[in-house]
Amino acid sequence: MKLLARVGIALLLLLAALCAGCGYHTLGSAQGLPPDVKVLAVPIFINQTHSYHVETALTEAVIREFNTRTRFRVVHSTEDGDAVLHGTVVSVQSAPVAYDSKTGRASTGLVTITAKVTLVARDGRVLYSNSNLVFRDQYQISNELASFFEEQGPAQDRLARDFARTLVSNLLEAF
């Protein structure tokens, strides 16, 4: 019985030691960014696609996420920021993923947005870079011609929010 108790205590101590080294810390603490970065410049992302205003939706979502979750002041002018977040929308694709069995028409579509993002400090140091951010979301396709495009906008808005949430988390947590 004493041996079993000792093994149990040893396992518990080992588990506690492993958990203590996991590296978790408070969300929004910006441990991934230098302490001298207080103002972030977020100019409108570049759009290298044929999708109309997708760059605006992504930029606005990123700014909203920074304003909501962090202590940083966000500006548009690159001269006013301690760091500048550059973004480029590389591709936007939409493809059917499910079909109506009666009509043979697509009933669900998948939107995929690929972007590259770089955060550069005022002195030119690259603080964060990801050249392949990929986000996907499904949306329903209406069979009625009058309401065909109703769901694509909300799907793009959801993608923009997910993109912003992930990007800001990556920047704050140094992933």
N, C-alpha and C. Protein backbone atom coordinates (compact mmCIF):
# COMPACT_ATOMS: atom_id res chain seq x y z
N MET A 1 0.82 -1.18 0.00
CA MET A 1 0.00 0.00 0.00
C MET A 1 0.87 1.25 0.00
N LYS A 2 1.93 1.24 0.79
CA LYS A 2 2.81 2.39 0.84
C LYS A 2 3.51 2.61 -0.50
N LEU A 3 3.88 1.54 -1.18
CA LEU A 3 4.53 1.64 -2.48
C LEU A 3 3.58 2.27 -3.49
N LEU A 4 2.32 1.85 -3.47
CA LEU A 4 1.32 2.39 -4.39
C LEU A 4 1.10 3.88 -4.13
N ALA A 5 1.07 4.28 -2.88
CA ALA A 5 0.91 5.69 -2.53
C ALA A 5 2.11 6.51 -3.00
N ARG A 6 3.30 5.97 -2.83
CA ARG A 6 4.51 6.67 -3.26
C ARG A 6 4.54 6.83 -4.79
N VAL A 7 4.14 5.78 -5.50
CA VAL A 7 4.10 5.85 -6.97
C VAL A 7 3.07 6.89 -7.41
N GLY A 8 1.93 6.90 -6.73
CA GLY A 8 0.89 7.88 -7.04
C GLY A 8 1.37 9.31 -6.81
N ILE A 9 2.07 9.53 -5.69
CA ILE A 9 2.61 10.87 -5.38
C ILE A 9 3.68 11.24 -6.39
N ALA A 10 4.52 10.30 -6.76
CA ALA A 10 5.57 10.58 -7.75
C ALA A 10 4.95 10.95 -9.10
N LEU A 11 3.91 10.23 -9.50
CA LEU A 11 3.23 10.55 -10.76
C LEU A 11 2.56 11.92 -10.70
N LEU A 12 1.97 12.23 -9.57
CA LEU A 12 1.33 13.53 -9.39
C LEU A 12 2.36 14.67 -9.46
N LEU A 13 3.51 14.48 -8.83
CA LEU A 13 4.57 15.48 -8.88
C LEU A 13 5.12 15.63 -10.30
N LEU A 14 5.27 14.52 -10.99
CA LEU A 14 5.74 14.56 -12.37
C LEU A 14 4.75 15.31 -13.26
N LEU A 15 3.47 15.05 -13.08
CA LEU A 15 2.43 15.74 -13.84
C LEU A 15 2.45 17.23 -13.53
N ALA A 16 2.60 17.60 -12.27
CA ALA A 16 2.66 19.01 -11.89
C ALA A 16 3.86 19.70 -12.50
N ALA A 17 4.99 19.02 -12.53
CA ALA A 17 6.20 19.60 -13.13
C ALA A 17 6.02 19.79 -14.63
N LEU A 18 5.40 18.83 -15.29
CA LEU A 18 5.16 18.96 -16.73
C LEU A 18 4.20 20.11 -17.03
N CYS A 19 3.14 20.24 -16.24
CA CYS A 19 2.17 21.30 -16.47
C CYS A 19 2.77 22.68 -16.20
N ALA A 20 3.66 22.76 -15.26
CA ALA A 20 4.28 24.05 -14.92
C ALA A 20 5.13 24.57 -16.07
N GLY A 21 5.63 23.69 -16.91
CA GLY A 21 6.49 24.12 -18.01
C GLY A 21 5.76 24.25 -19.34
N CYS A 22 4.44 24.25 -19.34
CA CYS A 22 3.69 24.29 -20.60
C CYS A 22 3.82 25.62 -21.32
N GLY A 23 4.07 26.69 -20.61
CA GLY A 23 4.25 27.97 -21.27
C GLY A 23 2.99 28.78 -21.43
N TYR A 24 1.91 28.39 -20.79
CA TYR A 24 0.68 29.17 -20.89
C TYR A 24 0.83 30.47 -20.13
N HIS A 25 0.23 31.52 -20.70
CA HIS A 25 0.25 32.81 -20.04
C HIS A 25 -1.00 33.58 -20.42
N THR A 26 -1.22 34.71 -19.79
CA THR A 26 -2.43 35.47 -19.95
C THR A 26 -2.62 35.95 -21.38
N LEU A 27 -3.82 35.73 -21.91
CA LEU A 27 -4.14 36.19 -23.26
C LEU A 27 -4.10 37.71 -23.29
N GLY A 28 -3.55 38.27 -24.35
CA GLY A 28 -3.51 39.72 -24.50
C GLY A 28 -2.34 40.37 -23.82
N SER A 29 -1.44 39.57 -23.28
CA SER A 29 -0.30 40.15 -22.58
C SER A 29 0.79 40.63 -23.52
N ALA A 30 0.66 40.31 -24.79
CA ALA A 30 1.59 40.75 -25.83
C ALA A 30 3.03 40.35 -25.55
N GLN A 31 3.19 39.14 -25.06
CA GLN A 31 4.54 38.68 -24.78
C GLN A 31 5.32 38.39 -26.06
N GLY A 32 4.60 38.32 -27.18
CA GLY A 32 5.27 38.09 -28.44
C GLY A 32 5.81 39.36 -29.07
N LEU A 33 5.42 40.52 -28.58
CA LEU A 33 5.87 41.79 -29.14
C LEU A 33 6.75 42.53 -28.14
N PRO A 34 7.72 43.29 -28.64
CA PRO A 34 8.59 44.04 -27.72
C PRO A 34 7.80 45.07 -26.92
N PRO A 35 8.25 45.39 -25.72
CA PRO A 35 7.50 46.33 -24.88
C PRO A 35 7.48 47.76 -25.43
N ASP A 36 8.39 48.10 -26.34
CA ASP A 36 8.39 49.46 -26.89
C ASP A 36 7.32 49.66 -27.97
N VAL A 37 6.64 48.59 -28.37
CA VAL A 37 5.56 48.71 -29.36
C VAL A 37 4.26 49.02 -28.62
N LYS A 38 3.81 50.25 -28.81
CA LYS A 38 2.57 50.70 -28.18
C LYS A 38 1.54 51.15 -29.20
N VAL A 39 2.01 51.54 -30.38
CA VAL A 39 1.13 52.01 -31.46
C VAL A 39 1.38 51.13 -32.68
N LEU A 40 0.32 50.50 -33.18
CA LEU A 40 0.41 49.65 -34.36
C LEU A 40 -0.23 50.35 -35.54
N ALA A 41 0.49 50.42 -36.63
CA ALA A 41 -0.07 50.94 -37.86
C ALA A 41 -0.59 49.76 -38.68
N VAL A 42 -1.85 49.85 -39.09
CA VAL A 42 -2.46 48.79 -39.88
C VAL A 42 -3.06 49.44 -41.14
N PRO A 43 -2.24 49.60 -42.17
CA PRO A 43 -2.78 50.13 -43.43
C PRO A 43 -3.65 49.08 -44.11
N ILE A 44 -4.49 49.54 -45.02
CA ILE A 44 -5.36 48.61 -45.76
C ILE A 44 -4.50 47.55 -46.45
N PHE A 45 -4.90 46.30 -46.31
CA PHE A 45 -4.17 45.20 -46.93
C PHE A 45 -4.19 45.35 -48.44
N ILE A 46 -3.22 44.75 -49.10
CA ILE A 46 -3.15 44.73 -50.56
C ILE A 46 -3.98 43.55 -51.05
N ASN A 47 -4.73 43.77 -52.12
CA ASN A 47 -5.56 42.72 -52.69
C ASN A 47 -4.99 42.30 -54.04
N GLN A 48 -4.45 41.09 -54.11
CA GLN A 48 -3.91 40.56 -55.35
C GLN A 48 -4.91 39.63 -56.04
N THR A 49 -6.18 39.73 -55.66
CA THR A 49 -7.20 38.86 -56.23
C THR A 49 -8.21 39.69 -57.02
N HIS A 50 -9.17 39.00 -57.58
CA HIS A 50 -10.26 39.67 -58.29
C HIS A 50 -11.49 39.84 -57.41
N SER A 51 -11.39 39.46 -56.14
CA SER A 51 -12.52 39.60 -55.21
C SER A 51 -12.61 41.04 -54.74
N TYR A 52 -13.77 41.59 -54.90
CA TYR A 52 -14.01 43.00 -54.61
C TYR A 52 -14.04 43.26 -53.10
N HIS A 53 -13.19 44.13 -52.62
CA HIS A 53 -13.13 44.63 -51.24
C HIS A 53 -12.84 43.59 -50.16
N VAL A 54 -12.30 42.45 -50.50
CA VAL A 54 -11.96 41.46 -49.48
C VAL A 54 -10.88 42.01 -48.55
N GLU A 55 -9.97 42.81 -49.10
CA GLU A 55 -8.88 43.39 -48.29
C GLU A 55 -9.42 44.35 -47.24
N THR A 56 -10.49 45.06 -47.57
CA THR A 56 -11.10 46.00 -46.62
C THR A 56 -11.72 45.24 -45.45
N ALA A 57 -12.44 44.16 -45.75
CA ALA A 57 -13.08 43.37 -44.69
C ALA A 57 -12.03 42.77 -43.75
N LEU A 58 -10.94 42.25 -44.31
CA LEU A 58 -9.89 41.66 -43.47
C LEU A 58 -9.20 42.73 -42.62
N THR A 59 -8.88 43.87 -43.22
CA THR A 59 -8.20 44.94 -42.48
C THR A 59 -9.08 45.45 -41.35
N GLU A 60 -10.36 45.70 -41.63
CA GLU A 60 -11.27 46.19 -40.61
C GLU A 60 -11.43 45.19 -39.47
N ALA A 61 -11.48 43.91 -39.80
CA ALA A 61 -11.60 42.88 -38.76
C ALA A 61 -10.36 42.83 -37.88
N VAL A 62 -9.18 42.97 -38.48
CA VAL A 62 -7.93 42.97 -37.70
C VAL A 62 -7.88 44.18 -36.78
N ILE A 63 -8.24 45.33 -37.28
CA ILE A 63 -8.25 46.55 -36.44
C ILE A 63 -9.24 46.39 -35.29
N ARG A 64 -10.43 45.89 -35.59
CA ARG A 64 -11.45 45.68 -34.55
C ARG A 64 -10.94 44.70 -33.50
N GLU A 65 -10.27 43.64 -33.92
CA GLU A 65 -9.75 42.65 -32.98
C GLU A 65 -8.66 43.25 -32.09
N PHE A 66 -7.75 44.04 -32.66
CA PHE A 66 -6.73 44.71 -31.86
C PHE A 66 -7.37 45.67 -30.86
N ASN A 67 -8.34 46.43 -31.30
CA ASN A 67 -9.01 47.40 -30.42
C ASN A 67 -9.78 46.71 -29.30
N THR A 68 -10.33 45.55 -29.59
CA THR A 68 -11.13 44.82 -28.61
C THR A 68 -10.28 44.06 -27.60
N ARG A 69 -9.19 43.46 -28.07
CA ARG A 69 -8.44 42.53 -27.22
C ARG A 69 -7.15 43.06 -26.64
N THR A 70 -6.65 44.19 -27.12
CA THR A 70 -5.33 44.60 -26.67
C THR A 70 -5.32 46.04 -26.18
N ARG A 71 -4.20 46.42 -25.65
CA ARG A 71 -3.99 47.78 -25.16
C ARG A 71 -3.36 48.68 -26.22
N PHE A 72 -3.05 48.13 -27.39
CA PHE A 72 -2.37 48.89 -28.43
C PHE A 72 -3.31 49.94 -29.02
N ARG A 73 -2.71 51.07 -29.39
CA ARG A 73 -3.44 52.07 -30.16
C ARG A 73 -3.19 51.73 -31.61
N VAL A 74 -4.26 51.67 -32.40
CA VAL A 74 -4.15 51.28 -33.81
C VAL A 74 -4.39 52.51 -34.67
N VAL A 75 -3.48 52.73 -35.62
CA VAL A 75 -3.57 53.86 -36.54
C VAL A 75 -3.43 53.33 -37.96
N HIS A 76 -3.82 54.17 -38.94
CA HIS A 76 -3.69 53.77 -40.35
C HIS A 76 -2.36 54.22 -40.95
N SER A 77 -1.84 55.33 -40.47
CA SER A 77 -0.63 55.92 -41.04
C SER A 77 0.61 55.13 -40.62
N THR A 78 1.40 54.72 -41.60
CA THR A 78 2.60 53.93 -41.30
C THR A 78 3.66 54.75 -40.58
N GLU A 79 3.63 56.07 -40.71
CA GLU A 79 4.62 56.92 -40.04
C GLU A 79 4.36 57.05 -38.54
N ASP A 80 3.11 56.83 -38.11
CA ASP A 80 2.74 57.04 -36.71
C ASP A 80 2.88 55.79 -35.85
N GLY A 81 3.17 54.64 -36.44
CA GLY A 81 3.21 53.41 -35.67
C GLY A 81 4.60 53.04 -35.20
N ASP A 82 4.66 52.38 -34.05
CA ASP A 82 5.90 51.79 -33.57
C ASP A 82 6.23 50.53 -34.38
N ALA A 83 5.18 49.94 -34.96
CA ALA A 83 5.32 48.78 -35.83
C ALA A 83 4.20 48.85 -36.87
N VAL A 84 4.46 48.29 -38.04
CA VAL A 84 3.49 48.33 -39.14
C VAL A 84 3.13 46.90 -39.53
N LEU A 85 1.83 46.63 -39.60
CA LEU A 85 1.34 45.32 -40.01
C LEU A 85 0.97 45.39 -41.49
N HIS A 86 1.75 44.71 -42.32
CA HIS A 86 1.50 44.66 -43.76
C HIS A 86 0.78 43.35 -44.07
N GLY A 87 -0.30 43.46 -44.83
CA GLY A 87 -1.04 42.26 -45.22
C GLY A 87 -1.32 42.26 -46.71
N THR A 88 -1.30 41.09 -47.29
CA THR A 88 -1.62 40.92 -48.71
C THR A 88 -2.54 39.72 -48.85
N VAL A 89 -3.68 39.94 -49.51
CA VAL A 89 -4.59 38.85 -49.82
C VAL A 89 -4.08 38.22 -51.12
N VAL A 90 -3.63 36.99 -51.03
CA VAL A 90 -2.99 36.32 -52.15
C VAL A 90 -4.03 35.62 -53.03
N SER A 91 -5.00 34.96 -52.41
CA SER A 91 -6.03 34.29 -53.21
C SER A 91 -7.33 34.19 -52.44
N VAL A 92 -8.41 34.19 -53.21
CA VAL A 92 -9.75 33.93 -52.69
C VAL A 92 -10.39 32.94 -53.64
N GLN A 93 -10.81 31.80 -53.09
CA GLN A 93 -11.40 30.76 -53.93
C GLN A 93 -12.73 30.34 -53.34
N SER A 94 -13.65 30.03 -54.21
CA SER A 94 -14.95 29.52 -53.80
C SER A 94 -15.23 28.26 -54.61
N ALA A 95 -15.63 27.20 -53.92
CA ALA A 95 -15.87 25.93 -54.60
C ALA A 95 -17.05 25.21 -53.96
N PRO A 96 -17.83 24.52 -54.75
CA PRO A 96 -18.93 23.74 -54.18
C PRO A 96 -18.39 22.52 -53.44
N VAL A 97 -19.05 22.19 -52.32
CA VAL A 97 -18.63 21.01 -51.55
C VAL A 97 -19.76 20.01 -51.34
N ALA A 98 -21.01 20.48 -51.53
CA ALA A 98 -22.15 19.57 -51.41
C ALA A 98 -23.18 19.94 -52.47
N TYR A 99 -23.90 18.92 -52.91
CA TYR A 99 -24.87 19.11 -53.99
C TYR A 99 -26.25 18.65 -53.55
N ASP A 100 -27.28 19.31 -54.08
CA ASP A 100 -28.66 18.92 -53.86
C ASP A 100 -28.91 17.66 -54.67
N SER A 101 -29.38 16.60 -54.03
CA SER A 101 -29.56 15.32 -54.73
C SER A 101 -30.69 15.35 -55.75
N LYS A 102 -31.65 16.26 -55.57
CA LYS A 102 -32.78 16.33 -56.50
C LYS A 102 -32.44 17.15 -57.74
N THR A 103 -31.77 18.28 -57.55
CA THR A 103 -31.51 19.18 -58.68
C THR A 103 -30.11 19.03 -59.26
N GLY A 104 -29.20 18.47 -58.50
CA GLY A 104 -27.82 18.35 -58.95
C GLY A 104 -27.03 19.65 -58.82
N ARG A 105 -27.65 20.69 -58.29
CA ARG A 105 -26.98 21.98 -58.10
C ARG A 105 -26.21 21.99 -56.77
N ALA A 106 -25.21 22.84 -56.73
CA ALA A 106 -24.43 22.99 -55.49
C ALA A 106 -25.33 23.57 -54.40
N SER A 107 -25.23 23.01 -53.20
CA SER A 107 -26.02 23.51 -52.07
C SER A 107 -25.15 24.13 -50.98
N THR A 108 -23.87 23.77 -50.96
CA THR A 108 -22.94 24.32 -49.98
C THR A 108 -21.63 24.65 -50.70
N GLY A 109 -21.11 25.83 -50.38
CA GLY A 109 -19.83 26.25 -50.97
C GLY A 109 -18.77 26.42 -49.90
N LEU A 110 -17.55 26.39 -50.31
CA LEU A 110 -16.41 26.58 -49.41
C LEU A 110 -15.60 27.77 -49.91
N VAL A 111 -15.41 28.76 -49.05
CA VAL A 111 -14.58 29.92 -49.38
C VAL A 111 -13.23 29.73 -48.71
N THR A 112 -12.16 29.91 -49.47
CA THR A 112 -10.80 29.80 -48.93
C THR A 112 -10.06 31.10 -49.25
N ILE A 113 -9.52 31.71 -48.20
CA ILE A 113 -8.73 32.93 -48.35
C ILE A 113 -7.31 32.63 -47.91
N THR A 114 -6.34 33.00 -48.74
CA THR A 114 -4.93 32.85 -48.40
C THR A 114 -4.31 34.24 -48.37
N ALA A 115 -3.55 34.52 -47.31
CA ALA A 115 -2.95 35.84 -47.15
C ALA A 115 -1.53 35.70 -46.63
N LYS A 116 -0.75 36.76 -46.81
CA LYS A 116 0.56 36.82 -46.17
C LYS A 116 0.60 38.10 -45.34
N VAL A 117 1.22 37.97 -44.17
CA VAL A 117 1.23 39.07 -43.19
C VAL A 117 2.62 39.21 -42.60
N THR A 118 3.06 40.47 -42.46
CA THR A 118 4.34 40.76 -41.84
C THR A 118 4.19 41.94 -40.91
N LEU A 119 4.72 41.83 -39.71
CA LEU A 119 4.76 42.94 -38.76
C LEU A 119 6.21 43.40 -38.66
N VAL A 120 6.43 44.67 -39.01
CA VAL A 120 7.79 45.21 -39.06
C VAL A 120 7.89 46.37 -38.07
N ALA A 121 8.93 46.33 -37.23
CA ALA A 121 9.18 47.41 -36.27
C ALA A 121 9.68 48.65 -36.99
N ARG A 122 9.63 49.76 -36.32
CA ARG A 122 10.08 51.04 -36.89
C ARG A 122 11.53 50.97 -37.36
N ASP A 123 12.35 50.20 -36.65
CA ASP A 123 13.77 50.10 -37.02
C ASP A 123 14.04 49.05 -38.11
N GLY A 124 12.98 48.43 -38.65
CA GLY A 124 13.14 47.49 -39.75
C GLY A 124 13.16 46.03 -39.35
N ARG A 125 13.17 45.74 -38.06
CA ARG A 125 13.16 44.34 -37.59
C ARG A 125 11.82 43.70 -37.93
N VAL A 126 11.85 42.48 -38.41
CA VAL A 126 10.62 41.73 -38.65
C VAL A 126 10.22 41.07 -37.34
N LEU A 127 9.08 41.47 -36.80
CA LEU A 127 8.61 40.95 -35.53
C LEU A 127 7.74 39.71 -35.71
N TYR A 128 7.10 39.61 -36.87
CA TYR A 128 6.24 38.47 -37.17
C TYR A 128 6.10 38.37 -38.67
N SER A 129 6.08 37.15 -39.18
CA SER A 129 5.88 36.96 -40.60
C SER A 129 5.23 35.60 -40.84
N ASN A 130 4.20 35.59 -41.65
CA ASN A 130 3.56 34.35 -42.07
C ASN A 130 3.11 34.55 -43.51
N SER A 131 3.70 33.84 -44.42
CA SER A 131 3.38 34.03 -45.83
C SER A 131 2.30 33.08 -46.33
N ASN A 132 1.69 32.32 -45.42
CA ASN A 132 0.68 31.37 -45.86
C ASN A 132 -0.42 31.19 -44.82
N LEU A 133 -1.13 32.27 -44.51
CA LEU A 133 -2.29 32.17 -43.62
C LEU A 133 -3.47 31.72 -44.47
N VAL A 134 -4.05 30.57 -44.14
CA VAL A 134 -5.15 30.02 -44.92
C VAL A 134 -6.38 29.89 -44.02
N PHE A 135 -7.51 30.42 -44.51
CA PHE A 135 -8.77 30.37 -43.75
C PHE A 135 -9.86 29.86 -44.66
N ARG A 136 -10.69 28.97 -44.12
CA ARG A 136 -11.79 28.37 -44.88
C ARG A 136 -13.09 28.48 -44.10
N ASP A 137 -14.20 28.65 -44.86
CA ASP A 137 -15.51 28.64 -44.22
C ASP A 137 -16.54 28.18 -45.24
N GLN A 138 -17.54 27.44 -44.77
CA GLN A 138 -18.61 26.98 -45.64
C GLN A 138 -19.79 27.94 -45.59
N TYR A 139 -20.56 27.98 -46.66
CA TYR A 139 -21.77 28.78 -46.70
C TYR A 139 -22.81 28.07 -47.55
N GLN A 140 -24.07 28.33 -47.26
CA GLN A 140 -25.17 27.74 -48.01
C GLN A 140 -25.39 28.50 -49.30
N ILE A 141 -25.67 27.78 -50.37
CA ILE A 141 -25.96 28.38 -51.66
C ILE A 141 -27.45 28.23 -51.91
N SER A 142 -28.12 29.34 -52.13
CA SER A 142 -29.55 29.31 -52.39
C SER A 142 -29.82 28.87 -53.82
N ASN A 143 -30.88 28.13 -54.00
CA ASN A 143 -31.28 27.72 -55.35
C ASN A 143 -32.13 28.79 -56.03
N GLU A 144 -32.57 29.78 -55.25
CA GLU A 144 -33.36 30.86 -55.82
C GLU A 144 -32.42 31.93 -56.35
N LEU A 145 -32.63 32.33 -57.58
CA LEU A 145 -31.75 33.28 -58.22
C LEU A 145 -31.72 34.62 -57.49
N ALA A 146 -32.84 35.06 -56.97
CA ALA A 146 -32.92 36.37 -56.31
C ALA A 146 -32.08 36.42 -55.03
N SER A 147 -31.92 35.29 -54.37
CA SER A 147 -31.17 35.29 -53.10
C SER A 147 -29.87 34.50 -53.20
N PHE A 148 -29.37 34.29 -54.39
CA PHE A 148 -28.20 33.44 -54.61
C PHE A 148 -26.97 33.90 -53.83
N PHE A 149 -26.71 35.21 -53.77
CA PHE A 149 -25.49 35.72 -53.15
C PHE A 149 -25.67 36.14 -51.70
N GLU A 150 -26.80 35.85 -51.09
CA GLU A 150 -27.06 36.31 -49.73
C GLU A 150 -26.06 35.78 -48.71
N GLU A 151 -25.64 34.55 -48.84
CA GLU A 151 -24.81 33.93 -47.81
C GLU A 151 -23.33 34.15 -48.03
N GLN A 152 -22.90 34.51 -49.22
CA GLN A 152 -21.46 34.66 -49.46
C GLN A 152 -20.88 35.82 -48.65
N GLY A 153 -21.60 36.93 -48.51
CA GLY A 153 -21.13 38.06 -47.70
C GLY A 153 -20.94 37.70 -46.24
N PRO A 154 -21.95 37.09 -45.60
CA PRO A 154 -21.76 36.65 -44.21
C PRO A 154 -20.63 35.64 -44.05
N ALA A 155 -20.45 34.77 -45.03
CA ALA A 155 -19.34 33.81 -44.95
C ALA A 155 -18.01 34.56 -44.99
N GLN A 156 -17.92 35.58 -45.84
CA GLN A 156 -16.69 36.38 -45.91
C GLN A 156 -16.46 37.13 -44.61
N ASP A 157 -17.55 37.63 -43.99
CA ASP A 157 -17.42 38.31 -42.70
C ASP A 157 -16.93 37.35 -41.61
N ARG A 158 -17.46 36.13 -41.61
CA ARG A 158 -16.99 35.13 -40.63
C ARG A 158 -15.52 34.81 -40.85
N LEU A 159 -15.14 34.66 -42.11
CA LEU A 159 -13.73 34.41 -42.43
C LEU A 159 -12.85 35.55 -41.95
N ALA A 160 -13.30 36.79 -42.16
CA ALA A 160 -12.52 37.95 -41.74
C ALA A 160 -12.35 37.95 -40.22
N ARG A 161 -13.42 37.65 -39.48
CA ARG A 161 -13.33 37.60 -38.01
C ARG A 161 -12.37 36.49 -37.56
N ASP A 162 -12.49 35.31 -38.18
CA ASP A 162 -11.59 34.20 -37.82
C ASP A 162 -10.14 34.53 -38.16
N PHE A 163 -9.94 35.11 -39.31
CA PHE A 163 -8.60 35.55 -39.73
C PHE A 163 -8.02 36.51 -38.70
N ALA A 164 -8.80 37.52 -38.32
CA ALA A 164 -8.33 38.53 -37.37
C ALA A 164 -8.05 37.92 -36.00
N ARG A 165 -8.94 37.07 -35.54
CA ARG A 165 -8.77 36.43 -34.23
C ARG A 165 -7.49 35.60 -34.19
N THR A 166 -7.26 34.82 -35.22
CA THR A 166 -6.07 33.99 -35.28
C THR A 166 -4.80 34.82 -35.41
N LEU A 167 -4.83 35.80 -36.29
CA LEU A 167 -3.65 36.64 -36.50
C LEU A 167 -3.26 37.38 -35.23
N VAL A 168 -4.23 38.00 -34.56
CA VAL A 168 -3.91 38.74 -33.34
C VAL A 168 -3.42 37.80 -32.24
N SER A 169 -4.01 36.63 -32.13
CA SER A 169 -3.51 35.64 -31.16
C SER A 169 -2.07 35.25 -31.46
N ASN A 170 -1.78 35.00 -32.74
CA ASN A 170 -0.41 34.65 -33.12
C ASN A 170 0.57 35.76 -32.77
N LEU A 171 0.19 37.00 -33.01
CA LEU A 171 1.08 38.11 -32.70
C LEU A 171 1.29 38.28 -31.20
N LEU A 172 0.22 38.15 -30.44
CA LEU A 172 0.32 38.36 -28.99
C LEU A 172 1.04 37.23 -28.27
N GLU A 173 0.87 36.04 -28.78
CA GLU A 173 1.41 34.89 -28.08
C GLU A 173 2.69 34.36 -28.68
N ALA A 174 3.21 35.03 -29.68
CA ALA A 174 4.50 34.71 -30.31
C ALA A 174 4.54 33.32 -30.91
N PHE A 175 3.47 32.94 -31.58
CA PHE A 175 3.45 31.64 -32.25
C PHE A 175 3.98 31.76 -33.63
